[in-house]
Amino acid sequence: MAAVAPGSGASREEEGTGGDAATPQPPAPTSAPGARLSRLPLARVKALVKADPDVTLAGQEAIFILARAAELFVETIAKDAYCCAQQGKRKTLQRRDLDNAIEAVDEFAFLEALSLDY
């Protein structure tokens, strides 16, 4: 019987009982009916985009992509900041954890000037 890693999505039924190859189940839908595709409110993202004087038009697809990109950015910087918090043996993020993540990751170099302002 093959070992299944925790969190791999395979259920006990899929592992098989008699050494037989288990029939793979179709993957579950990634979003339930009616579930939001974006966690950020699109109306708020649209208002932020419209606040930029250089932007004249922004389609719904562009607003969605900007919202999704912002979500991924926040997720990435939060994970890196959490790693900094764990190094200090803490589970709660603090401002200094974000500052340390910004200093440690080259992709966040554009934020270095902003972190000095606060």
C-alpha atoms as a PDB file:
ATOM      1  CA  MET A   1       0.000   0.000   0.000  1.00  0.00           C
ATOM      2  CA  ALA A   2       1.378   3.394  -0.933  1.00  0.00           C
ATOM      3  CA  ALA A   3       1.824   6.000   1.743  1.00  0.00           C
ATOM      4  CA  VAL A   4      -0.161   9.158   1.333  1.00  0.00           C
ATOM      5  CA  ALA A   5       1.276  12.433   2.531  1.00  0.00           C
ATOM      6  CA  PRO A   6      -0.892  14.480   4.882  1.00  0.00           C
ATOM      7  CA  GLY A   7      -2.740  17.186   3.062  1.00  0.00           C
ATOM      8  CA  SER A   8      -2.283  15.521  -0.319  1.00  0.00           C
ATOM      9  CA  GLY A   9      -6.020  15.333  -0.840  1.00  0.00           C
ATOM     10  CA  ALA A  10      -6.167  11.536  -1.059  1.00  0.00           C
ATOM     11  CA  SER A  11      -8.802   9.951   1.117  1.00  0.00           C
ATOM     12  CA  ARG A  12      -8.534   6.608   2.911  1.00  0.00           C
ATOM     13  CA  GLU A  13     -10.759   5.036   0.251  1.00  0.00           C
ATOM     14  CA  GLU A  14      -8.332   6.005  -2.485  1.00  0.00           C
ATOM     15  CA  GLU A  15      -5.451   4.221  -0.747  1.00  0.00           C
ATOM     16  CA  GLY A  16      -6.969   0.844  -1.608  1.00  0.00           C
ATOM     17  CA  THR A  17      -7.442  -2.143   0.655  1.00  0.00           C
ATOM     18  CA  GLY A  18      -6.208  -5.192  -1.218  1.00  0.00           C
ATOM     19  CA  GLY A  19      -3.286  -3.721  -3.120  1.00  0.00           C
ATOM     20  CA  ASP A  20      -5.605  -2.881  -6.001  1.00  0.00           C
ATOM     21  CA  ALA A  21      -5.012   0.370  -7.803  1.00  0.00           C
ATOM     22  CA  ALA A  22      -7.624   2.787  -6.576  1.00  0.00           C
ATOM     23  CA  THR A  23      -9.751   4.586  -9.088  1.00  0.00           C
ATOM     24  CA  PRO A  24      -8.841   8.275  -8.868  1.00  0.00           C
ATOM     25  CA  GLN A  25     -11.728  10.494  -7.945  1.00  0.00           C
ATOM     26  CA  PRO A  26     -12.350  13.619 -10.019  1.00  0.00           C
ATOM     27  CA  PRO A  27     -10.928  16.692  -8.312  1.00  0.00           C
ATOM     28  CA  ALA A  28     -13.344  18.676  -6.225  1.00  0.00           C
ATOM     29  CA  PRO A  29     -14.320  22.042  -7.645  1.00  0.00           C
ATOM     30  CA  THR A  30     -12.012  24.758  -6.387  1.00  0.00           C
ATOM     31  CA  SER A  31     -14.875  27.086  -5.624  1.00  0.00           C
ATOM     32  CA  ALA A  32     -18.357  26.338  -4.439  1.00  0.00           C
ATOM     33  CA  PRO A  33     -21.302  27.807  -6.323  1.00  0.00           C
ATOM     34  CA  GLY A  34     -21.752  31.392  -5.267  1.00  0.00           C
ATOM     35  CA  ALA A  35     -18.255  31.598  -3.781  1.00  0.00           C
ATOM     36  CA  ARG A  36     -16.331  34.796  -4.405  1.00  0.00           C
ATOM     37  CA  LEU A  37     -13.419  34.620  -6.804  1.00  0.00           C
ATOM     38  CA  SER A  38     -11.735  37.556  -5.124  1.00  0.00           C
ATOM     39  CA  ARG A  39     -11.414  38.178  -1.407  1.00  0.00           C
ATOM     40  CA  LEU A  40     -11.037  41.923  -1.879  1.00  0.00           C
ATOM     41  CA  PRO A  41     -14.156  43.950  -2.626  1.00  0.00           C
ATOM     42  CA  LEU A  42     -14.012  44.761  -6.329  1.00  0.00           C
ATOM     43  CA  ALA A  43     -15.896  48.019  -5.832  1.00  0.00           C
ATOM     44  CA  ARG A  44     -13.171  49.219  -3.473  1.00  0.00           C
ATOM     45  CA  VAL A  45     -10.426  48.177  -5.924  1.00  0.00           C
ATOM     46  CA  LYS A  46     -12.274  49.995  -8.715  1.00  0.00           C
ATOM     47  CA  ALA A  47     -12.506  53.132  -6.564  1.00  0.00           C
ATOM     48  CA  LEU A  48      -8.751  52.985  -5.920  1.00  0.00           C
ATOM     49  CA  VAL A  49      -8.037  52.578  -9.632  1.00  0.00           C
ATOM     50  CA  LYS A  50     -10.319  55.493 -10.506  1.00  0.00           C
ATOM     51  CA  ALA A  51      -8.515  57.647  -7.926  1.00  0.00           C
ATOM     52  CA  ASP A  52      -5.397  57.502 -10.125  1.00  0.00           C
ATOM     53  CA  PRO A  53      -5.485  60.523 -12.473  1.00  0.00           C
ATOM     54  CA  ASP A  54      -3.506  58.604 -15.120  1.00  0.00           C
ATOM     55  CA  VAL A  55      -6.228  55.946 -15.493  1.00  0.00           C
ATOM     56  CA  THR A  56      -9.111  56.844 -17.779  1.00  0.00           C
ATOM     57  CA  LEU A  57     -10.820  53.470 -18.265  1.00  0.00           C
ATOM     58  CA  ALA A  58     -10.555  50.151 -16.461  1.00  0.00           C
ATOM     59  CA  GLY A  59     -12.586  47.117 -17.450  1.00  0.00           C
ATOM     60  CA  GLN A  60     -14.007  44.596 -15.013  1.00  0.00           C
ATOM     61  CA  GLU A  61     -11.377  42.043 -16.041  1.00  0.00           C
ATOM     62  CA  ALA A  62      -8.602  44.508 -15.246  1.00  0.00           C
ATOM     63  CA  ILE A  63     -10.156  45.304 -11.873  1.00  0.00           C
ATOM     64  CA  PHE A  64     -10.385  41.587 -11.072  1.00  0.00           C
ATOM     65  CA  ILE A  65      -6.759  40.957 -12.079  1.00  0.00           C
ATOM     66  CA  LEU A  66      -5.580  43.899  -9.964  1.00  0.00           C
ATOM     67  CA  ALA A  67      -7.562  42.599  -6.984  1.00  0.00           C
ATOM     68  CA  ARG A  68      -6.138  39.099  -7.402  1.00  0.00           C
ATOM     69  CA  ALA A  69      -2.592  40.460  -7.767  1.00  0.00           C
ATOM     70  CA  ALA A  70      -3.047  42.478  -4.582  1.00  0.00           C
ATOM     71  CA  GLU A  71      -4.246  39.349  -2.754  1.00  0.00           C
ATOM     72  CA  LEU A  72      -1.216  37.371  -3.899  1.00  0.00           C
ATOM     73  CA  PHE A  73       1.115  40.203  -2.923  1.00  0.00           C
ATOM     74  CA  VAL A  74      -0.365  40.469   0.568  1.00  0.00           C
ATOM     75  CA  GLU A  75      -0.201  36.683   0.959  1.00  0.00           C
ATOM     76  CA  THR A  76       3.449  36.587  -0.086  1.00  0.00           C
ATOM     77  CA  ILE A  77       4.634  39.417   2.143  1.00  0.00           C
ATOM     78  CA  ALA A  78       2.597  38.057   5.064  1.00  0.00           C
ATOM     79  CA  LYS A  79       4.206  34.616   4.724  1.00  0.00           C
ATOM     80  CA  ASP A  80       7.674  36.153   4.616  1.00  0.00           C
ATOM     81  CA  ALA A  81       6.881  38.360   7.612  1.00  0.00           C
ATOM     82  CA  TYR A  82       5.557  35.337   9.490  1.00  0.00           C
ATOM     83  CA  CYS A  83       8.869  33.574   8.889  1.00  0.00           C
ATOM     84  CA  CYS A  84      10.577  36.568  10.501  1.00  0.00           C
ATOM     85  CA  ALA A  85       8.184  36.337  13.457  1.00  0.00           C
ATOM     86  CA  GLN A  86       8.915  32.620  13.832  1.00  0.00           C
ATOM     87  CA  GLN A  87      12.645  33.360  14.000  1.00  0.00           C
ATOM     88  CA  GLY A  88      11.812  35.516  17.010  1.00  0.00           C
ATOM     89  CA  LYS A  89       9.752  32.596  18.395  1.00  0.00           C
ATOM     90  CA  ARG A  90       6.481  34.514  17.997  1.00  0.00           C
ATOM     91  CA  LYS A  91       3.249  33.768  16.171  1.00  0.00           C
ATOM     92  CA  THR A  92       1.950  37.330  16.061  1.00  0.00           C
ATOM     93  CA  LEU A  93       3.135  39.578  13.250  1.00  0.00           C
ATOM     94  CA  GLN A  94       4.551  42.924  14.227  1.00  0.00           C
ATOM     95  CA  ARG A  95       5.596  45.914  12.163  1.00  0.00           C
ATOM     96  CA  ARG A  96       9.250  44.982  12.547  1.00  0.00           C
ATOM     97  CA  ASP A  97       8.514  41.579  10.955  1.00  0.00           C
ATOM     98  CA  LEU A  98       7.206  43.317   7.837  1.00  0.00           C
ATOM     99  CA  ASP A  99      10.242  45.617   7.847  1.00  0.00           C
ATOM    100  CA  ASN A 100      12.572  42.612   8.159  1.00  0.00           C
ATOM    101  CA  ALA A 101      10.790  40.807   5.309  1.00  0.00           C
ATOM    102  CA  ILE A 102      11.093  43.910   3.124  1.00  0.00           C
ATOM    103  CA  GLU A 103      14.824  44.116   3.835  1.00  0.00           C
ATOM    104  CA  ALA A 104      15.409  40.377   3.348  1.00  0.00           C
ATOM    105  CA  VAL A 105      13.571  39.823   0.051  1.00  0.00           C
ATOM    106  CA  ASP A 106      14.901  41.546  -3.064  1.00  0.00           C
ATOM    107  CA  GLU A 107      11.458  41.629  -4.700  1.00  0.00           C
ATOM    108  CA  PHE A 108      10.268  43.959  -1.928  1.00  0.00           C
ATOM    109  CA  ALA A 109      13.057  46.496  -2.463  1.00  0.00           C
ATOM    110  CA  PHE A 110      10.575  48.996  -3.908  1.00  0.00           C
ATOM    111  CA  LEU A 111       8.921  49.126  -0.466  1.00  0.00           C
ATOM    112  CA  GLU A 112      12.058  50.077   1.449  1.00  0.00           C
ATOM    113  CA  ALA A 113      11.482  53.825   1.072  1.00  0.00           C
ATOM    114  CA  LEU A 114       7.888  53.387   2.256  1.00  0.00           C
ATOM    115  CA  SER A 115       8.846  51.438   5.381  1.00  0.00           C
ATOM    116  CA  LEU A 116      10.983  54.343   6.608  1.00  0.00           C
ATOM    117  CA  ASP A 117       8.041  56.743   6.462  1.00  0.00           C
ATOM    118  CA  TYR A 118       6.132  55.143   9.353  1.00  0.00           C
END
